[in-house]
Amino acid sequence: MFELFEKAVLTALGAAALTQKKGEELIQEMKSRYKISEEEGRAFLDRIQEMARTGQQKTAEVAETEVKKALDRMGMVSREDFDRLERRVRALEAIAAETVASQPEDECLG
């Protein structure tokens, strides 16, 4: 009976996060309605919260992947690529400045 209730609650909750207050209310309701112990209620709540955290993490990963795909389709660079290119430009500018500084002045003018 409890397993059926557990599955029903898990299905209803899906990956939604439970607040601590709602979790405590759920434990109290389970204790009075289904005659479960505090320990069983807390274990159940812990499992629900872990499922919610896992669901949130997976959702964030999927969202990040989709955003990256959208940026690629639009031809935009990621922050990581931008930073890498910026470092490369600065390094090339430094090399160019050193090259110009090391040449005699009449060669610089062409």
PDB file of N, CA and C in Angstrom:
ATOM      1  N   MET A   1       0.824  -1.193   0.000  1.00  0.00           N
ATOM      2  CA  MET A   1       0.000   0.000   0.000  1.00  0.00           C
ATOM      3  C   MET A   1       0.871   1.261   0.000  1.00  0.00           C
ATOM      4  N   PHE A   2       1.896   1.270   0.894  1.00  0.00           N
ATOM      5  CA  PHE A   2       2.768   2.435   0.971  1.00  0.00           C
ATOM      6  C   PHE A   2       3.537   2.629  -0.329  1.00  0.00           C
ATOM      7  N   GLU A   3       3.960   1.540  -0.946  1.00  0.00           N
ATOM      8  CA  GLU A   3       4.695   1.649  -2.203  1.00  0.00           C
ATOM      9  C   GLU A   3       3.824   2.276  -3.293  1.00  0.00           C
ATOM     10  N   LEU A   4       2.565   1.904  -3.299  1.00  0.00           N
ATOM     11  CA  LEU A   4       1.648   2.476  -4.287  1.00  0.00           C
ATOM     12  C   LEU A   4       1.503   3.980  -4.055  1.00  0.00           C
ATOM     13  N   PHE A   5       1.356   4.351  -2.778  1.00  0.00           N
ATOM     14  CA  PHE A   5       1.265   5.776  -2.443  1.00  0.00           C
ATOM     15  C   PHE A   5       2.540   6.501  -2.852  1.00  0.00           C
ATOM     16  N   GLU A   6       3.685   5.869  -2.550  1.00  0.00           N
ATOM     17  CA  GLU A   6       4.981   6.468  -2.873  1.00  0.00           C
ATOM     18  C   GLU A   6       5.098   6.716  -4.376  1.00  0.00           C
ATOM     19  N   LYS A   7       4.738   5.714  -5.158  1.00  0.00           N
ATOM     20  CA  LYS A   7       4.814   5.864  -6.609  1.00  0.00           C
ATOM     21  C   LYS A   7       3.874   6.963  -7.097  1.00  0.00           C
ATOM     22  N   ALA A   8       2.702   7.033  -6.521  1.00  0.00           N
ATOM     23  CA  ALA A   8       1.742   8.062  -6.910  1.00  0.00           C
ATOM     24  C   ALA A   8       2.280   9.448  -6.602  1.00  0.00           C
ATOM     25  N   VAL A   9       2.870   9.612  -5.431  1.00  0.00           N
ATOM     26  CA  VAL A   9       3.430  10.913  -5.055  1.00  0.00           C
ATOM     27  C   VAL A   9       4.605  11.260  -5.958  1.00  0.00           C
ATOM     28  N   LEU A  10       5.483  10.280  -6.193  1.00  0.00           N
ATOM     29  CA  LEU A  10       6.641  10.537  -7.046  1.00  0.00           C
ATOM     30  C   LEU A  10       6.201  10.926  -8.450  1.00  0.00           C
ATOM     31  N   THR A  11       5.202  10.258  -8.940  1.00  0.00           N
ATOM     32  CA  THR A  11       4.687  10.579 -10.268  1.00  0.00           C
ATOM     33  C   THR A  11       4.099  11.986 -10.289  1.00  0.00           C
ATOM     34  N   ALA A  12       3.339  12.302  -9.239  1.00  0.00           N
ATOM     35  CA  ALA A  12       2.709  13.616  -9.178  1.00  0.00           C
ATOM     36  C   ALA A  12       3.748  14.727  -9.049  1.00  0.00           C
ATOM     37  N   LEU A  13       4.773  14.472  -8.293  1.00  0.00           N
ATOM     38  CA  LEU A  13       5.783  15.501  -8.065  1.00  0.00           C
ATOM     39  C   LEU A  13       6.734  15.653  -9.241  1.00  0.00           C
ATOM     40  N   GLY A  14       6.972  14.569  -9.909  1.00  0.00           N
ATOM     41  CA  GLY A  14       7.921  14.621 -11.013  1.00  0.00           C
ATOM     42  C   GLY A  14       9.254  15.118 -10.521  1.00  0.00           C
ATOM     43  N   ALA A  15       9.822  16.034 -11.241  1.00  0.00           N
ATOM     44  CA  ALA A  15      11.119  16.579 -10.858  1.00  0.00           C
ATOM     45  C   ALA A  15      10.986  17.881 -10.090  1.00  0.00           C
ATOM     46  N   ALA A  16       9.781  18.200  -9.682  1.00  0.00           N
ATOM     47  CA  ALA A  16       9.587  19.466  -8.971  1.00  0.00           C
ATOM     48  C   ALA A  16      10.280  19.440  -7.615  1.00  0.00           C
ATOM     49  N   ALA A  17      10.798  20.547  -7.220  1.00  0.00           N
ATOM     50  CA  ALA A  17      11.478  20.651  -5.941  1.00  0.00           C
ATOM     51  C   ALA A  17      10.469  20.888  -4.823  1.00  0.00           C
ATOM     52  N   LEU A  18      10.737  20.267  -3.705  1.00  0.00           N
ATOM     53  CA  LEU A  18       9.909  20.483  -2.533  1.00  0.00           C
ATOM     54  C   LEU A  18      10.614  21.436  -1.590  1.00  0.00           C
ATOM     55  N   THR A  19       9.884  22.367  -1.053  1.00  0.00           N
ATOM     56  CA  THR A  19      10.478  23.215  -0.040  1.00  0.00           C
ATOM     57  C   THR A  19      10.511  22.440   1.272  1.00  0.00           C
ATOM     58  N   GLN A  20      11.327  22.890   2.181  1.00  0.00           N
ATOM     59  CA  GLN A  20      11.444  22.206   3.470  1.00  0.00           C
ATOM     60  C   GLN A  20      10.100  22.191   4.189  1.00  0.00           C
ATOM     61  N   LYS A  21       9.374  23.305   4.140  1.00  0.00           N
ATOM     62  CA  LYS A  21       8.092  23.380   4.824  1.00  0.00           C
ATOM     63  C   LYS A  21       7.092  22.404   4.216  1.00  0.00           C
ATOM     64  N   LYS A  22       7.037  22.356   2.910  1.00  0.00           N
ATOM     65  CA  LYS A  22       6.125  21.423   2.236  1.00  0.00           C
ATOM     66  C   LYS A  22       6.524  19.988   2.554  1.00  0.00           C
ATOM     67  N   GLY A  23       7.816  19.743   2.632  1.00  0.00           N
ATOM     68  CA  GLY A  23       8.292  18.400   2.965  1.00  0.00           C
ATOM     69  C   GLY A  23       7.848  17.984   4.355  1.00  0.00           C
ATOM     70  N   GLU A  24       7.952  18.906   5.305  1.00  0.00           N
ATOM     71  CA  GLU A  24       7.517  18.609   6.670  1.00  0.00           C
ATOM     72  C   GLU A  24       6.016  18.343   6.710  1.00  0.00           C
ATOM     73  N   GLU A  25       5.256  19.123   5.966  1.00  0.00           N
ATOM     74  CA  GLU A  25       3.802  18.906   5.898  1.00  0.00           C
ATOM     75  C   GLU A  25       3.486  17.541   5.313  1.00  0.00           C
ATOM     76  N   LEU A  26       4.230  17.163   4.293  1.00  0.00           N
ATOM     77  CA  LEU A  26       4.007  15.862   3.662  1.00  0.00           C
ATOM     78  C   LEU A  26       4.313  14.733   4.640  1.00  0.00           C
ATOM     79  N   ILE A  27       5.378  14.868   5.400  1.00  0.00           N
ATOM     80  CA  ILE A  27       5.729  13.836   6.385  1.00  0.00           C
ATOM     81  C   ILE A  27       4.622  13.709   7.432  1.00  0.00           C
ATOM     82  N   GLN A  28       4.138  14.843   7.917  1.00  0.00           N
ATOM     83  CA  GLN A  28       3.074  14.797   8.920  1.00  0.00           C
ATOM     84  C   GLN A  28       1.817  14.143   8.365  1.00  0.00           C
ATOM     85  N   GLU A  29       1.490  14.449   7.139  1.00  0.00           N
ATOM     86  CA  GLU A  29       0.307  13.852   6.523  1.00  0.00           C
ATOM     87  C   GLU A  29       0.494  12.351   6.335  1.00  0.00           C
ATOM     88  N   MET A  30       1.680  11.965   5.903  1.00  0.00           N
ATOM     89  CA  MET A  30       1.956  10.540   5.712  1.00  0.00           C
ATOM     90  C   MET A  30       1.907   9.791   7.035  1.00  0.00           C
ATOM     91  N   LYS A  31       2.418  10.447   8.096  1.00  0.00           N
ATOM     92  CA  LYS A  31       2.400   9.803   9.414  1.00  0.00           C
ATOM     93  C   LYS A  31       0.966   9.557   9.871  1.00  0.00           C
ATOM     94  N   SER A  32       0.110  10.531   9.721  1.00  0.00           N
ATOM     95  CA  SER A  32      -1.255  10.386  10.215  1.00  0.00           C
ATOM     96  C   SER A  32      -2.126   9.547   9.284  1.00  0.00           C
ATOM     97  N   ARG A  33      -1.940   9.701   8.017  1.00  0.00           N
ATOM     98  CA  ARG A  33      -2.809   9.000   7.069  1.00  0.00           C
ATOM     99  C   ARG A  33      -2.376   7.552   6.829  1.00  0.00           C
ATOM    100  N   TYR A  34      -1.078   7.329   6.718  1.00  0.00           N
ATOM    101  CA  TYR A  34      -0.584   6.000   6.345  1.00  0.00           C
ATOM    102  C   TYR A  34       0.136   5.292   7.484  1.00  0.00           C
ATOM    103  N   LYS A  35       0.145   5.906   8.642  1.00  0.00           N
ATOM    104  CA  LYS A  35       0.722   5.286   9.843  1.00  0.00           C
ATOM    105  C   LYS A  35       2.174   4.850   9.612  1.00  0.00           C
ATOM    106  N   ILE A  36       2.941   5.729   9.035  1.00  0.00           N
ATOM    107  CA  ILE A  36       4.358   5.418   8.850  1.00  0.00           C
ATOM    108  C   ILE A  36       5.153   6.131   9.930  1.00  0.00           C
ATOM    109  N   SER A  37       6.344   5.651  10.157  1.00  0.00           N
ATOM    110  CA  SER A  37       7.182   6.265  11.189  1.00  0.00           C
ATOM    111  C   SER A  37       7.805   7.552  10.664  1.00  0.00           C
ATOM    112  N   GLU A  38       8.316   8.340  11.601  1.00  0.00           N
ATOM    113  CA  GLU A  38       9.023   9.575  11.234  1.00  0.00           C
ATOM    114  C   GLU A  38      10.214   9.239  10.344  1.00  0.00           C
ATOM    115  N   GLU A  39      10.902   8.160  10.703  1.00  0.00           N
ATOM    116  CA  GLU A  39      12.089   7.752   9.942  1.00  0.00           C
ATOM    117  C   GLU A  39      11.724   7.384   8.494  1.00  0.00           C
ATOM    118  N   GLU A  40      10.633   6.636   8.326  1.00  0.00           N
ATOM    119  CA  GLU A  40      10.201   6.265   6.980  1.00  0.00           C
ATOM    120  C   GLU A  40       9.802   7.503   6.181  1.00  0.00           C
ATOM    121  N   GLY A  41       9.136   8.438   6.852  1.00  0.00           N
ATOM    122  CA  GLY A  41       8.732   9.666   6.182  1.00  0.00           C
ATOM    123  C   GLY A  41       9.930  10.487   5.746  1.00  0.00           C
ATOM    124  N   ARG A  42      10.917  10.584   6.631  1.00  0.00           N
ATOM    125  CA  ARG A  42      12.128  11.361   6.284  1.00  0.00           C
ATOM    126  C   ARG A  42      12.891  10.691   5.147  1.00  0.00           C
ATOM    127  N   ALA A  43      12.970   9.363   5.191  1.00  0.00           N
ATOM    128  CA  ALA A  43      13.661   8.654   4.105  1.00  0.00           C
ATOM    129  C   ALA A  43      12.950   8.894   2.783  1.00  0.00           C
ATOM    130  N   PHE A  44      11.633   8.856   2.820  1.00  0.00           N
ATOM    131  CA  PHE A  44      10.847   9.112   1.616  1.00  0.00           C
ATOM    132  C   PHE A  44      11.090  10.535   1.113  1.00  0.00           C
ATOM    133  N   LEU A  45      11.049  11.497   2.023  1.00  0.00           N
ATOM    134  CA  LEU A  45      11.275  12.892   1.651  1.00  0.00           C
ATOM    135  C   LEU A  45      12.684  13.089   1.089  1.00  0.00           C
ATOM    136  N   ASP A  46      13.672  12.441   1.710  1.00  0.00           N
ATOM    137  CA  ASP A  46      15.049  12.540   1.204  1.00  0.00           C
ATOM    138  C   ASP A  46      15.137  12.027  -0.231  1.00  0.00           C
ATOM    139  N   ARG A  47      14.445  10.928  -0.493  1.00  0.00           N
ATOM    140  CA  ARG A  47      14.480  10.376  -1.859  1.00  0.00           C
ATOM    141  C   ARG A  47      13.811  11.327  -2.841  1.00  0.00           C
ATOM    142  N   ILE A  48      12.716  11.932  -2.430  1.00  0.00           N
ATOM    143  CA  ILE A  48      12.027  12.883  -3.317  1.00  0.00           C
ATOM    144  C   ILE A  48      12.924  14.088  -3.592  1.00  0.00           C
ATOM    145  N   GLN A  49      13.555  14.608  -2.536  1.00  0.00           N
ATOM    146  CA  GLN A  49      14.422  15.768  -2.710  1.00  0.00           C
ATOM    147  C   GLN A  49      15.624  15.432  -3.593  1.00  0.00           C
ATOM    148  N   GLU A  50      16.172  14.232  -3.439  1.00  0.00           N
ATOM    149  CA  GLU A  50      17.297  13.834  -4.276  1.00  0.00           C
ATOM    150  C   GLU A  50      16.854  13.731  -5.737  1.00  0.00           C
ATOM    151  N   MET A  51      15.670  13.180  -5.952  1.00  0.00           N
ATOM    152  CA  MET A  51      15.147  13.097  -7.313  1.00  0.00           C
ATOM    153  C   MET A  51      14.947  14.483  -7.903  1.00  0.00           C
ATOM    154  N   ALA A  52      14.480  15.418  -7.077  1.00  0.00           N
ATOM    155  CA  ALA A  52      14.269  16.788  -7.552  1.00  0.00           C
ATOM    156  C   ALA A  52      15.601  17.427  -7.923  1.00  0.00           C
ATOM    157  N   ARG A  53      16.628  17.233  -7.068  1.00  0.00           N
ATOM    158  CA  ARG A  53      17.957  17.797  -7.368  1.00  0.00           C
ATOM    159  C   ARG A  53      18.511  17.206  -8.667  1.00  0.00           C
ATOM    160  N   THR A  54      18.352  15.901  -8.818  1.00  0.00           N
ATOM    161  CA  THR A  54      18.833  15.249 -10.034  1.00  0.00           C
ATOM    162  C   THR A  54      18.091  15.788 -11.247  1.00  0.00           C
ATOM    163  N   GLY A  55      16.781  15.964 -11.099  1.00  0.00           N
ATOM    164  CA  GLY A  55      15.984  16.502 -12.198  1.00  0.00           C
ATOM    165  C   GLY A  55      16.399  17.914 -12.552  1.00  0.00           C
ATOM    166  N   GLN A  56      16.666  18.738 -11.551  1.00  0.00           N
ATOM    167  CA  GLN A  56      17.102  20.107 -11.809  1.00  0.00           C
ATOM    168  C   GLN A  56      18.449  20.119 -12.527  1.00  0.00           C
ATOM    169  N   GLN A  57      19.344  19.238 -12.073  1.00  0.00           N
ATOM    170  CA  GLN A  57      20.673  19.177 -12.687  1.00  0.00           C
ATOM    171  C   GLN A  57      20.568  18.743 -14.152  1.00  0.00           C
ATOM    172  N   LYS A  58      19.741  17.739 -14.404  1.00  0.00           N
ATOM    173  CA  LYS A  58      19.583  17.279 -15.786  1.00  0.00           C
ATOM    174  C   LYS A  58      18.945  18.363 -16.646  1.00  0.00           C
ATOM    175  N   THR A  59      17.980  19.082 -16.087  1.00  0.00           N
ATOM    176  CA  THR A  59      17.334  20.161 -16.825  1.00  0.00           C
ATOM    177  C   THR A  59      18.343  21.254 -17.165  1.00  0.00           C
ATOM    178  N   ALA A  60      19.195  21.601 -16.207  1.00  0.00           N
ATOM    179  CA  ALA A  60      20.219  22.623 -16.450  1.00  0.00           C
ATOM    180  C   ALA A  60      21.195  22.172 -17.532  1.00  0.00           C
ATOM    181  N   GLU A  61      21.569  20.894 -17.505  1.00  0.00           N
ATOM    182  CA  GLU A  61      22.487  20.371 -18.519  1.00  0.00           C
ATOM    183  C   GLU A  61      21.856  20.417 -19.909  1.00  0.00           C
ATOM    184  N   VAL A  62      20.600  20.028 -19.986  1.00  0.00           N
ATOM    185  CA  VAL A  62      19.902  20.055 -21.275  1.00  0.00           C
ATOM    186  C   VAL A  62      19.775  21.490 -21.777  1.00  0.00           C
ATOM    187  N   ALA A  63      19.436  22.406 -20.875  1.00  0.00           N
ATOM    188  CA  ALA A  63      19.302  23.818 -21.262  1.00  0.00           C
ATOM    189  C   ALA A  63      20.636  24.358 -21.766  1.00  0.00           C
ATOM    190  N   GLU A  64      21.721  24.051 -21.076  1.00  0.00           N
ATOM    191  CA  GLU A  64      23.042  24.523 -21.485  1.00  0.00           C
ATOM    192  C   GLU A  64      23.412  23.975 -22.858  1.00  0.00           C
ATOM    193  N   THR A  65      23.145  22.701 -23.063  1.00  0.00           N
ATOM    194  CA  THR A  65      23.444  22.081 -24.351  1.00  0.00           C
ATOM    195  C   THR A  65      22.641  22.741 -25.466  1.00  0.00           C
ATOM    196  N   GLU A  66      21.372  22.989 -25.213  1.00  0.00           N
ATOM    197  CA  GLU A  66      20.523  23.608 -26.238  1.00  0.00           C
ATOM    198  C   GLU A  66      20.950  25.045 -26.533  1.00  0.00           C
ATOM    199  N   VAL A  67      21.353  25.776 -25.504  1.00  0.00           N
ATOM    200  CA  VAL A  67      21.832  27.156 -25.720  1.00  0.00           C
ATOM    201  C   VAL A  67      23.100  27.140 -26.573  1.00  0.00           C
ATOM    202  N   LYS A  68      24.004  26.203 -26.275  1.00  0.00           N
ATOM    203  CA  LYS A  68      25.232  26.105 -27.073  1.00  0.00           C
ATOM    204  C   LYS A  68      24.915  25.778 -28.526  1.00  0.00           C
ATOM    205  N   LYS A  69      23.963  24.869 -28.729  1.00  0.00           N
ATOM    206  CA  LYS A  69      23.570  24.534 -30.100  1.00  0.00           C
ATOM    207  C   LYS A  69      22.985  25.757 -30.811  1.00  0.00           C
ATOM    208  N   ALA A  70      22.154  26.511 -30.107  1.00  0.00           N
ATOM    209  CA  ALA A  70      21.551  27.714 -30.698  1.00  0.00           C
ATOM    210  C   ALA A  70      22.631  28.731 -31.048  1.00  0.00           C
ATOM    211  N   LEU A  71      23.609  28.914 -30.162  1.00  0.00           N
ATOM    212  CA  LEU A  71      24.703  29.855 -30.440  1.00  0.00           C
ATOM    213  C   LEU A  71      25.505  29.405 -31.657  1.00  0.00           C
ATOM    214  N   ASP A  72      25.747  28.097 -31.756  1.00  0.00           N
ATOM    215  CA  ASP A  72      26.465  27.574 -32.924  1.00  0.00           C
ATOM    216  C   ASP A  72      25.679  27.843 -34.206  1.00  0.00           C
ATOM    217  N   ARG A  73      24.369  27.605 -34.165  1.00  0.00           N
ATOM    218  CA  ARG A  73      23.538  27.823 -35.362  1.00  0.00           C
ATOM    219  C   ARG A  73      23.549  29.292 -35.774  1.00  0.00           C
ATOM    220  N   MET A  74      23.632  30.200 -34.818  1.00  0.00           N
ATOM    221  CA  MET A  74      23.634  31.627 -35.113  1.00  0.00           C
ATOM    222  C   MET A  74      25.026  32.142 -35.444  1.00  0.00           C
ATOM    223  N   GLY A  75      26.024  31.271 -35.321  1.00  0.00           N
ATOM    224  CA  GLY A  75      27.390  31.677 -35.641  1.00  0.00           C
ATOM    225  C   GLY A  75      28.044  32.515 -34.559  1.00  0.00           C
ATOM    226  N   MET A  76      27.554  32.427 -33.344  1.00  0.00           N
ATOM    227  CA  MET A  76      28.121  33.208 -32.242  1.00  0.00           C
ATOM    228  C   MET A  76      29.162  32.362 -31.520  1.00  0.00           C
ATOM    229  N   VAL A  77      30.150  33.025 -30.959  1.00  0.00           N
ATOM    230  CA  VAL A  77      31.184  32.311 -30.225  1.00  0.00           C
ATOM    231  C   VAL A  77      30.811  32.259 -28.746  1.00  0.00           C
ATOM    232  N   SER A  78      31.322  31.248 -28.099  1.00  0.00           N
ATOM    233  CA  SER A  78      31.094  31.125 -26.659  1.00  0.00           C
ATOM    234  C   SER A  78      32.046  32.061 -25.912  1.00  0.00           C
ATOM    235  N   ARG A  79      31.786  32.301 -24.659  1.00  0.00           N
ATOM    236  CA  ARG A  79      32.670  33.129 -23.835  1.00  0.00           C
ATOM    237  C   ARG A  79      34.066  32.533 -23.796  1.00  0.00           C
ATOM    238  N   GLU A  80      34.125  31.225 -23.709  1.00  0.00           N
ATOM    239  CA  GLU A  80      35.418  30.534 -23.673  1.00  0.00           C
ATOM    240  C   GLU A  80      36.193  30.795 -24.965  1.00  0.00           C
ATOM    241  N   ASP A  81      35.525  30.673 -26.116  1.00  0.00           N
ATOM    242  CA  ASP A  81      36.182  30.937 -27.397  1.00  0.00           C
ATOM    243  C   ASP A  81      36.602  32.402 -27.500  1.00  0.00           C
ATOM    244  N   PHE A  82      35.721  33.316 -27.037  1.00  0.00           N
ATOM    245  CA  PHE A  82      36.038  34.740 -27.082  1.00  0.00           C
ATOM    246  C   PHE A  82      37.284  35.040 -26.246  1.00  0.00           C
ATOM    247  N   ASP A  83      37.325  34.488 -25.034  1.00  0.00           N
ATOM    248  CA  ASP A  83      38.483  34.719 -24.154  1.00  0.00           C
ATOM    249  C   ASP A  83      39.762  34.154 -24.770  1.00  0.00           C
ATOM    250  N   ARG A  84      39.665  32.971 -25.387  1.00  0.00           N
ATOM    251  CA  ARG A  84      40.836  32.354 -26.022  1.00  0.00           C
ATOM    252  C   ARG A  84      41.325  33.235 -27.175  1.00  0.00           C
ATOM    253  N   LEU A  85      40.405  33.728 -27.985  1.00  0.00           N
ATOM    254  CA  LEU A  85      40.790  34.589 -29.103  1.00  0.00           C
ATOM    255  C   LEU A  85      41.363  35.921 -28.616  1.00  0.00           C
ATOM    256  N   GLU A  86      40.807  36.456 -27.547  1.00  0.00           N
ATOM    257  CA  GLU A  86      41.317  37.711 -26.988  1.00  0.00           C
ATOM    258  C   GLU A  86      42.766  37.529 -26.509  1.00  0.00           C
ATOM    259  N   ARG A  87      43.035  36.417 -25.833  1.00  0.00           N
ATOM    260  CA  ARG A  87      44.419  36.151 -25.385  1.00  0.00           C
ATOM    261  C   ARG A  87      45.355  36.032 -26.584  1.00  0.00           C
ATOM    262  N   ARG A  88      44.881  35.385 -27.628  1.00  0.00           N
ATOM    263  CA  ARG A  88      45.708  35.208 -28.831  1.00  0.00           C
ATOM    264  C   ARG A  88      46.001  36.553 -29.494  1.00  0.00           C
ATOM    265  N   VAL A  89      45.007  37.413 -29.603  1.00  0.00           N
ATOM    266  CA  VAL A  89      45.207  38.740 -30.202  1.00  0.00           C
ATOM    267  C   VAL A  89      46.209  39.546 -29.378  1.00  0.00           C
ATOM    268  N   ARG A  90      46.060  39.488 -28.046  1.00  0.00           N
ATOM    269  CA  ARG A  90      47.011  40.237 -27.197  1.00  0.00           C
ATOM    270  C   ARG A  90      48.435  39.725 -27.372  1.00  0.00           C
ATOM    271  N   ALA A  91      48.585  38.402 -27.470  1.00  0.00           N
ATOM    272  CA  ALA A  91      49.919  37.832 -27.672  1.00  0.00           C
ATOM    273  C   ALA A  91      50.491  38.280 -29.012  1.00  0.00           C
ATOM    274  N   LEU A  92      49.669  38.271 -30.052  1.00  0.00           N
ATOM    275  CA  LEU A  92      50.130  38.713 -31.375  1.00  0.00           C
ATOM    276  C   LEU A  92      50.454  40.208 -31.382  1.00  0.00           C
ATOM    277  N   GLU A  93      49.672  41.011 -30.665  1.00  0.00           N
ATOM    278  CA  GLU A  93      49.957  42.443 -30.563  1.00  0.00           C
ATOM    279  C   GLU A  93      51.295  42.683 -29.864  1.00  0.00           C
ATOM    280  N   ALA A  94      51.561  41.879 -28.840  1.00  0.00           N
ATOM    281  CA  ALA A  94      52.828  42.020 -28.113  1.00  0.00           C
ATOM    282  C   ALA A  94      54.000  41.665 -29.013  1.00  0.00           C
ATOM    283  N   ILE A  95      53.847  40.599 -29.785  1.00  0.00           N
ATOM    284  CA  ILE A  95      54.905  40.198 -30.720  1.00  0.00           C
ATOM    285  C   ILE A  95      55.112  41.281 -31.783  1.00  0.00           C
ATOM    286  N   ALA A  96      54.028  41.822 -32.299  1.00  0.00           N
ATOM    287  CA  ALA A  96      54.126  42.868 -33.322  1.00  0.00           C
ATOM    288  C   ALA A  96      54.818  44.114 -32.746  1.00  0.00           C
ATOM    289  N   ALA A  97      54.462  44.470 -31.507  1.00  0.00           N
ATOM    290  CA  ALA A  97      55.076  45.650 -30.879  1.00  0.00           C
ATOM    291  C   ALA A  97      56.572  45.436 -30.669  1.00  0.00           C
ATOM    292  N   GLU A  98      56.950  44.215 -30.243  1.00  0.00           N
ATOM    293  CA  GLU A  98      58.369  43.916 -30.061  1.00  0.00           C
ATOM    294  C   GLU A  98      59.107  43.957 -31.397  1.00  0.00           C
ATOM    295  N   THR A  99      58.491  43.436 -32.426  1.00  0.00           N
ATOM    296  CA  THR A  99      59.106  43.420 -33.754  1.00  0.00           C
ATOM    297  C   THR A  99      59.334  44.837 -34.255  1.00  0.00           C
ATOM    298  N   VAL A 100      58.322  45.669 -34.097  1.00  0.00           N
ATOM    299  CA  VAL A 100      58.440  47.061 -34.542  1.00  0.00           C
ATOM    300  C   VAL A 100      59.509  47.779 -33.723  1.00  0.00           C
ATOM    301  N   ALA A 101      59.546  47.529 -32.419  1.00  0.00           N
ATOM    302  CA  ALA A 101      60.518  48.202 -31.553  1.00  0.00           C
ATOM    303  C   ALA A 101      61.949  47.773 -31.844  1.00  0.00           C
ATOM    304  N   SER A 102      62.120  46.542 -32.309  1.00  0.00           N
ATOM    305  CA  SER A 102      63.481  46.046 -32.555  1.00  0.00           C
ATOM    306  C   SER A 102      64.033  46.444 -33.929  1.00  0.00           C
ATOM    307  N   GLN A 103      63.182  46.945 -34.810  1.00  0.00           N
ATOM    308  CA  GLN A 103      63.639  47.331 -36.143  1.00  0.00           C
ATOM    309  C   GLN A 103      64.158  48.773 -36.125  1.00  0.00           C
ATOM    310  N   PRO A 104      65.154  49.040 -36.930  1.00  0.00           N
ATOM    311  CA  PRO A 104      65.601  50.438 -37.056  1.00  0.00           C
ATOM    312  C   PRO A 104      64.457  51.305 -37.579  1.00  0.00           C
ATOM    313  N   GLU A 105      64.494  52.562 -37.185  1.00  0.00           N
ATOM    314  CA  GLU A 105      63.377  53.456 -37.491  1.00  0.00           C
ATOM    315  C   GLU A 105      63.120  53.609 -38.984  1.00  0.00           C
ATOM    316  N   ASP A 106      64.167  53.613 -39.805  1.00  0.00           N
ATOM    317  CA  ASP A 106      63.960  53.802 -41.248  1.00  0.00           C
ATOM    318  C   ASP A 106      63.277  52.581 -41.894  1.00  0.00           C
ATOM    319  N   GLU A 107      63.431  51.349 -41.305  1.00  0.00           N
ATOM    320  CA  GLU A 107      62.745  50.168 -41.836  1.00  0.00           C
ATOM    321  C   GLU A 107      61.264  50.190 -41.483  1.00  0.00           C
ATOM    322  N   CYS A 108      60.919  50.766 -40.335  1.00  0.00           N
ATOM    323  CA  CYS A 108      59.524  50.829 -39.923  1.00  0.00           C
ATOM    324  C   CYS A 108      58.705  51.704 -40.863  1.00  0.00           C
ATOM    325  N   LEU A 109      59.291  52.697 -41.410  1.00  0.00           N
ATOM    326  CA  LEU A 109      58.559  53.608 -42.281  1.00  0.00           C
ATOM    327  C   LEU A 109      58.407  53.058 -43.692  1.00  0.00           C
ATOM    328  N   GLY A 110      59.082  51.975 -43.969  1.00  0.00           N
ATOM    329  CA  GLY A 110      58.905  51.323 -45.243  1.00  0.00           C
ATOM    330  C   GLY A 110      59.869  51.774 -46.209  1.00  0.00           C
TER     331      GLY A 110
END
